[in-house]
Amino acid sequence: MTELDEEVCYRALASRDARFAGRFFVVVTSTGIYCRIGCPARIPVRKNVHFVRYALDGIAGIGPWTKAYIAMRLGDPDAFPSSDLVLRRSYGKGRAISARELDRTAEKWRPFRAYMAIHLWRQA
């Protein structure tokens, strides 16, 4: 699952489907609690829930680059810090392309974008 489909995530949460364990986190807005699939707590009402890919998504001061880098270090093969200046320069052959442009290009490397990031860093 590359992009989070809220309805699929909620069905997985409601059924406690273990196949989705570790793929996303549940943020219960009414209580401020984060959960994972299999959490023994009562299933929250749909309107009080949203889903995030990384548990760090709700922490102020932790930006997209940090989240992607940490996810890479923890073994997520699809994490990709597209805002990284070295990656943008390396792929742009010395010219820093935009993070958006690199993101579009990186779509073809799914689900192994982290490996391409490592390759680009080594090339730099």
C-alpha atoms as a PDB file:
ATOM      1  CA  MET A   1       0.000   0.000   0.000  1.00  0.00           C
ATOM      2  CA  THR A   2       1.793   3.125  -1.158  1.00  0.00           C
ATOM      3  CA  GLU A   3      -0.912   5.727  -0.658  1.00  0.00           C
ATOM      4  CA  LEU A   4      -3.268   5.390   2.267  1.00  0.00           C
ATOM      5  CA  ASP A   5      -6.866   4.685   1.326  1.00  0.00           C
ATOM      6  CA  GLU A   6      -8.818   5.801   4.395  1.00  0.00           C
ATOM      7  CA  GLU A   7     -11.699   3.365   3.837  1.00  0.00           C
ATOM      8  CA  VAL A   8      -9.389   0.371   3.344  1.00  0.00           C
ATOM      9  CA  CYS A   9      -7.482   1.384   6.469  1.00  0.00           C
ATOM     10  CA  TYR A  10     -10.656   1.709   8.520  1.00  0.00           C
ATOM     11  CA  ARG A  11     -11.928  -1.702   7.385  1.00  0.00           C
ATOM     12  CA  ALA A  12      -8.548  -3.204   8.318  1.00  0.00           C
ATOM     13  CA  LEU A  13      -8.740  -1.507  11.723  1.00  0.00           C
ATOM     14  CA  ALA A  14     -12.332  -2.603  12.349  1.00  0.00           C
ATOM     15  CA  SER A  15     -11.538  -6.216  11.463  1.00  0.00           C
ATOM     16  CA  ARG A  16      -8.109  -6.086  13.157  1.00  0.00           C
ATOM     17  CA  ASP A  17      -6.625  -7.484   9.940  1.00  0.00           C
ATOM     18  CA  ALA A  18      -3.052  -8.491  10.823  1.00  0.00           C
ATOM     19  CA  ARG A  19      -1.943  -8.240   7.170  1.00  0.00           C
ATOM     20  CA  PHE A  20      -1.933  -4.458   7.625  1.00  0.00           C
ATOM     21  CA  ALA A  21       0.187  -4.475  10.797  1.00  0.00           C
ATOM     22  CA  GLY A  22       2.975  -1.903  10.525  1.00  0.00           C
ATOM     23  CA  ARG A  23       1.701  -0.386   7.280  1.00  0.00           C
ATOM     24  CA  PHE A  24      -0.018   2.561   8.924  1.00  0.00           C
ATOM     25  CA  PHE A  25      -0.900   4.082  12.263  1.00  0.00           C
ATOM     26  CA  VAL A  26      -4.289   5.152  13.533  1.00  0.00           C
ATOM     27  CA  VAL A  27      -4.758   8.619  15.005  1.00  0.00           C
ATOM     28  CA  VAL A  28      -7.895   8.951  17.119  1.00  0.00           C
ATOM     29  CA  THR A  29      -8.670  12.662  17.026  1.00  0.00           C
ATOM     30  CA  SER A  30     -11.183  12.589  19.870  1.00  0.00           C
ATOM     31  CA  THR A  31      -8.633  11.212  22.342  1.00  0.00           C
ATOM     32  CA  GLY A  32      -5.267  12.069  20.757  1.00  0.00           C
ATOM     33  CA  ILE A  33      -4.212   8.437  20.962  1.00  0.00           C
ATOM     34  CA  TYR A  34      -2.130   6.645  18.333  1.00  0.00           C
ATOM     35  CA  CYS A  35      -2.844   2.956  17.714  1.00  0.00           C
ATOM     36  CA  ARG A  36      -1.813   0.168  15.398  1.00  0.00           C
ATOM     37  CA  ILE A  37      -3.713  -2.708  13.889  1.00  0.00           C
ATOM     38  CA  GLY A  38      -4.406  -5.216  16.626  1.00  0.00           C
ATOM     39  CA  CYS A  39      -4.664  -2.617  19.379  1.00  0.00           C
ATOM     40  CA  PRO A  40      -6.979  -4.104  22.025  1.00  0.00           C
ATOM     41  CA  ALA A  41      -8.809  -0.792  22.531  1.00  0.00           C
ATOM     42  CA  ARG A  42     -12.378  -0.317  21.381  1.00  0.00           C
ATOM     43  CA  ILE A  43     -12.673   0.505  17.658  1.00  0.00           C
ATOM     44  CA  PRO A  44     -13.229   4.279  17.392  1.00  0.00           C
ATOM     45  CA  VAL A  45     -16.016   5.904  15.411  1.00  0.00           C
ATOM     46  CA  ARG A  46     -14.974   6.492  11.784  1.00  0.00           C
ATOM     47  CA  LYS A  47     -15.323  10.295  11.943  1.00  0.00           C
ATOM     48  CA  ASN A  48     -12.806  10.425  14.835  1.00  0.00           C
ATOM     49  CA  VAL A  49     -10.067   8.546  13.003  1.00  0.00           C
ATOM     50  CA  HIS A  50      -7.451   9.328  10.406  1.00  0.00           C
ATOM     51  CA  PHE A  51      -4.516   7.285   9.232  1.00  0.00           C
ATOM     52  CA  VAL A  52      -0.852   8.144   8.839  1.00  0.00           C
ATOM     53  CA  ARG A  53       1.978   6.165   7.312  1.00  0.00           C
ATOM     54  CA  TYR A  54       4.495   7.021  10.016  1.00  0.00           C
ATOM     55  CA  ALA A  55       3.912   7.390  13.736  1.00  0.00           C
ATOM     56  CA  LEU A  56       6.031  10.543  13.579  1.00  0.00           C
ATOM     57  CA  ASP A  57       3.472  12.325  11.356  1.00  0.00           C
ATOM     58  CA  GLY A  58       1.716  13.906  14.301  1.00  0.00           C
ATOM     59  CA  ILE A  59       4.773  15.293  16.082  1.00  0.00           C
ATOM     60  CA  ALA A  60       5.506  18.992  15.604  1.00  0.00           C
ATOM     61  CA  GLY A  61       8.996  19.715  14.311  1.00  0.00           C
ATOM     62  CA  ILE A  62       9.445  16.364  12.597  1.00  0.00           C
ATOM     63  CA  GLY A  63       9.313  17.082   8.893  1.00  0.00           C
ATOM     64  CA  PRO A  64       8.996  14.884   5.807  1.00  0.00           C
ATOM     65  CA  TRP A  65      12.760  14.483   5.315  1.00  0.00           C
ATOM     66  CA  THR A  66      13.302  13.286   8.895  1.00  0.00           C
ATOM     67  CA  LYS A  67      10.363  10.884   8.728  1.00  0.00           C
ATOM     68  CA  ALA A  68      11.540   9.406   5.439  1.00  0.00           C
ATOM     69  CA  TYR A  69      15.146   9.113   6.621  1.00  0.00           C
ATOM     70  CA  ILE A  70      14.143   7.390   9.873  1.00  0.00           C
ATOM     71  CA  ALA A  71      11.844   5.053   7.943  1.00  0.00           C
ATOM     72  CA  MET A  72      14.732   4.168   5.626  1.00  0.00           C
ATOM     73  CA  ARG A  73      17.000   3.447   8.578  1.00  0.00           C
ATOM     74  CA  LEU A  74      14.295   1.238  10.101  1.00  0.00           C
ATOM     75  CA  GLY A  75      14.034  -0.793   6.899  1.00  0.00           C
ATOM     76  CA  ASP A  76      11.192   0.715   4.865  1.00  0.00           C
ATOM     77  CA  PRO A  77      12.312   0.005   1.273  1.00  0.00           C
ATOM     78  CA  ASP A  78       9.920   2.613  -0.159  1.00  0.00           C
ATOM     79  CA  ALA A  79      10.806   5.590   2.051  1.00  0.00           C
ATOM     80  CA  PHE A  80      12.229   8.419  -0.032  1.00  0.00           C
ATOM     81  CA  PRO A  81      13.353  11.861   1.239  1.00  0.00           C
ATOM     82  CA  SER A  82      12.641  13.734  -2.002  1.00  0.00           C
ATOM     83  CA  SER A  83      13.400  17.124  -0.444  1.00  0.00           C
ATOM     84  CA  ASP A  84      17.031  16.089   0.170  1.00  0.00           C
ATOM     85  CA  LEU A  85      19.282  18.552  -1.673  1.00  0.00           C
ATOM     86  CA  VAL A  86      21.995  15.968  -2.376  1.00  0.00           C
ATOM     87  CA  LEU A  87      19.446  13.614  -3.971  1.00  0.00           C
ATOM     88  CA  ARG A  88      17.989  16.458  -6.029  1.00  0.00           C
ATOM     89  CA  ARG A  89      21.458  17.523  -7.263  1.00  0.00           C
ATOM     90  CA  SER A  90      22.633  13.976  -7.875  1.00  0.00           C
ATOM     91  CA  TYR A  91      19.616  13.068  -9.981  1.00  0.00           C
ATOM     92  CA  GLY A  92      19.728  16.428 -11.743  1.00  0.00           C
ATOM     93  CA  LYS A  93      23.397  15.816 -12.660  1.00  0.00           C
ATOM     94  CA  GLY A  94      24.666  18.794 -10.685  1.00  0.00           C
ATOM     95  CA  ARG A  95      21.564  20.974 -11.077  1.00  0.00           C
ATOM     96  CA  ALA A  96      19.176  20.843  -8.128  1.00  0.00           C
ATOM     97  CA  ILE A  97      15.821  19.759  -9.520  1.00  0.00           C
ATOM     98  CA  SER A  98      12.688  20.433  -7.480  1.00  0.00           C
ATOM     99  CA  ALA A  99      11.510  17.992  -4.831  1.00  0.00           C
ATOM    100  CA  ARG A 100       8.228  17.719  -6.729  1.00  0.00           C
ATOM    101  CA  GLU A 101      10.061  16.744  -9.919  1.00  0.00           C
ATOM    102  CA  LEU A 102      12.116  14.161  -8.053  1.00  0.00           C
ATOM    103  CA  ASP A 103       8.942  12.800  -6.424  1.00  0.00           C
ATOM    104  CA  ARG A 104       7.313  12.350  -9.831  1.00  0.00           C
ATOM    105  CA  THR A 105      10.406  10.582 -11.159  1.00  0.00           C
ATOM    106  CA  ALA A 106      10.693   8.391  -8.060  1.00  0.00           C
ATOM    107  CA  GLU A 107       7.224   6.916  -8.631  1.00  0.00           C
ATOM    108  CA  LYS A 108       8.728   4.492 -11.155  1.00  0.00           C
ATOM    109  CA  TRP A 109      11.111   3.172  -8.478  1.00  0.00           C
ATOM    110  CA  ARG A 110       8.328   2.007  -6.155  1.00  0.00           C
ATOM    111  CA  PRO A 111       8.356  -0.041  -3.964  1.00  0.00           C
ATOM    112  CA  PHE A 112      12.137   0.253  -3.623  1.00  0.00           C
ATOM    113  CA  ARG A 113      12.762   4.008  -3.651  1.00  0.00           C
ATOM    114  CA  ALA A 114      15.028   3.863  -0.578  1.00  0.00           C
ATOM    115  CA  TYR A 115      17.555   1.847  -2.558  1.00  0.00           C
ATOM    116  CA  MET A 116      17.617   4.504  -5.257  1.00  0.00           C
ATOM    117  CA  ALA A 117      18.148   7.179  -2.587  1.00  0.00           C
ATOM    118  CA  ILE A 118      21.176   5.272  -1.302  1.00  0.00           C
ATOM    119  CA  HIS A 119      22.475   4.906  -4.860  1.00  0.00           C
ATOM    120  CA  LEU A 120      22.058   8.640  -5.538  1.00  0.00           C
ATOM    121  CA  TRP A 121      23.795   9.560  -2.263  1.00  0.00           C
ATOM    122  CA  ARG A 122      26.724   7.319  -3.158  1.00  0.00           C
ATOM    123  CA  GLN A 123      26.943   8.902  -6.620  1.00  0.00           C
ATOM    124  CA  ALA A 124      27.147  12.402  -5.209  1.00  0.00           C
END
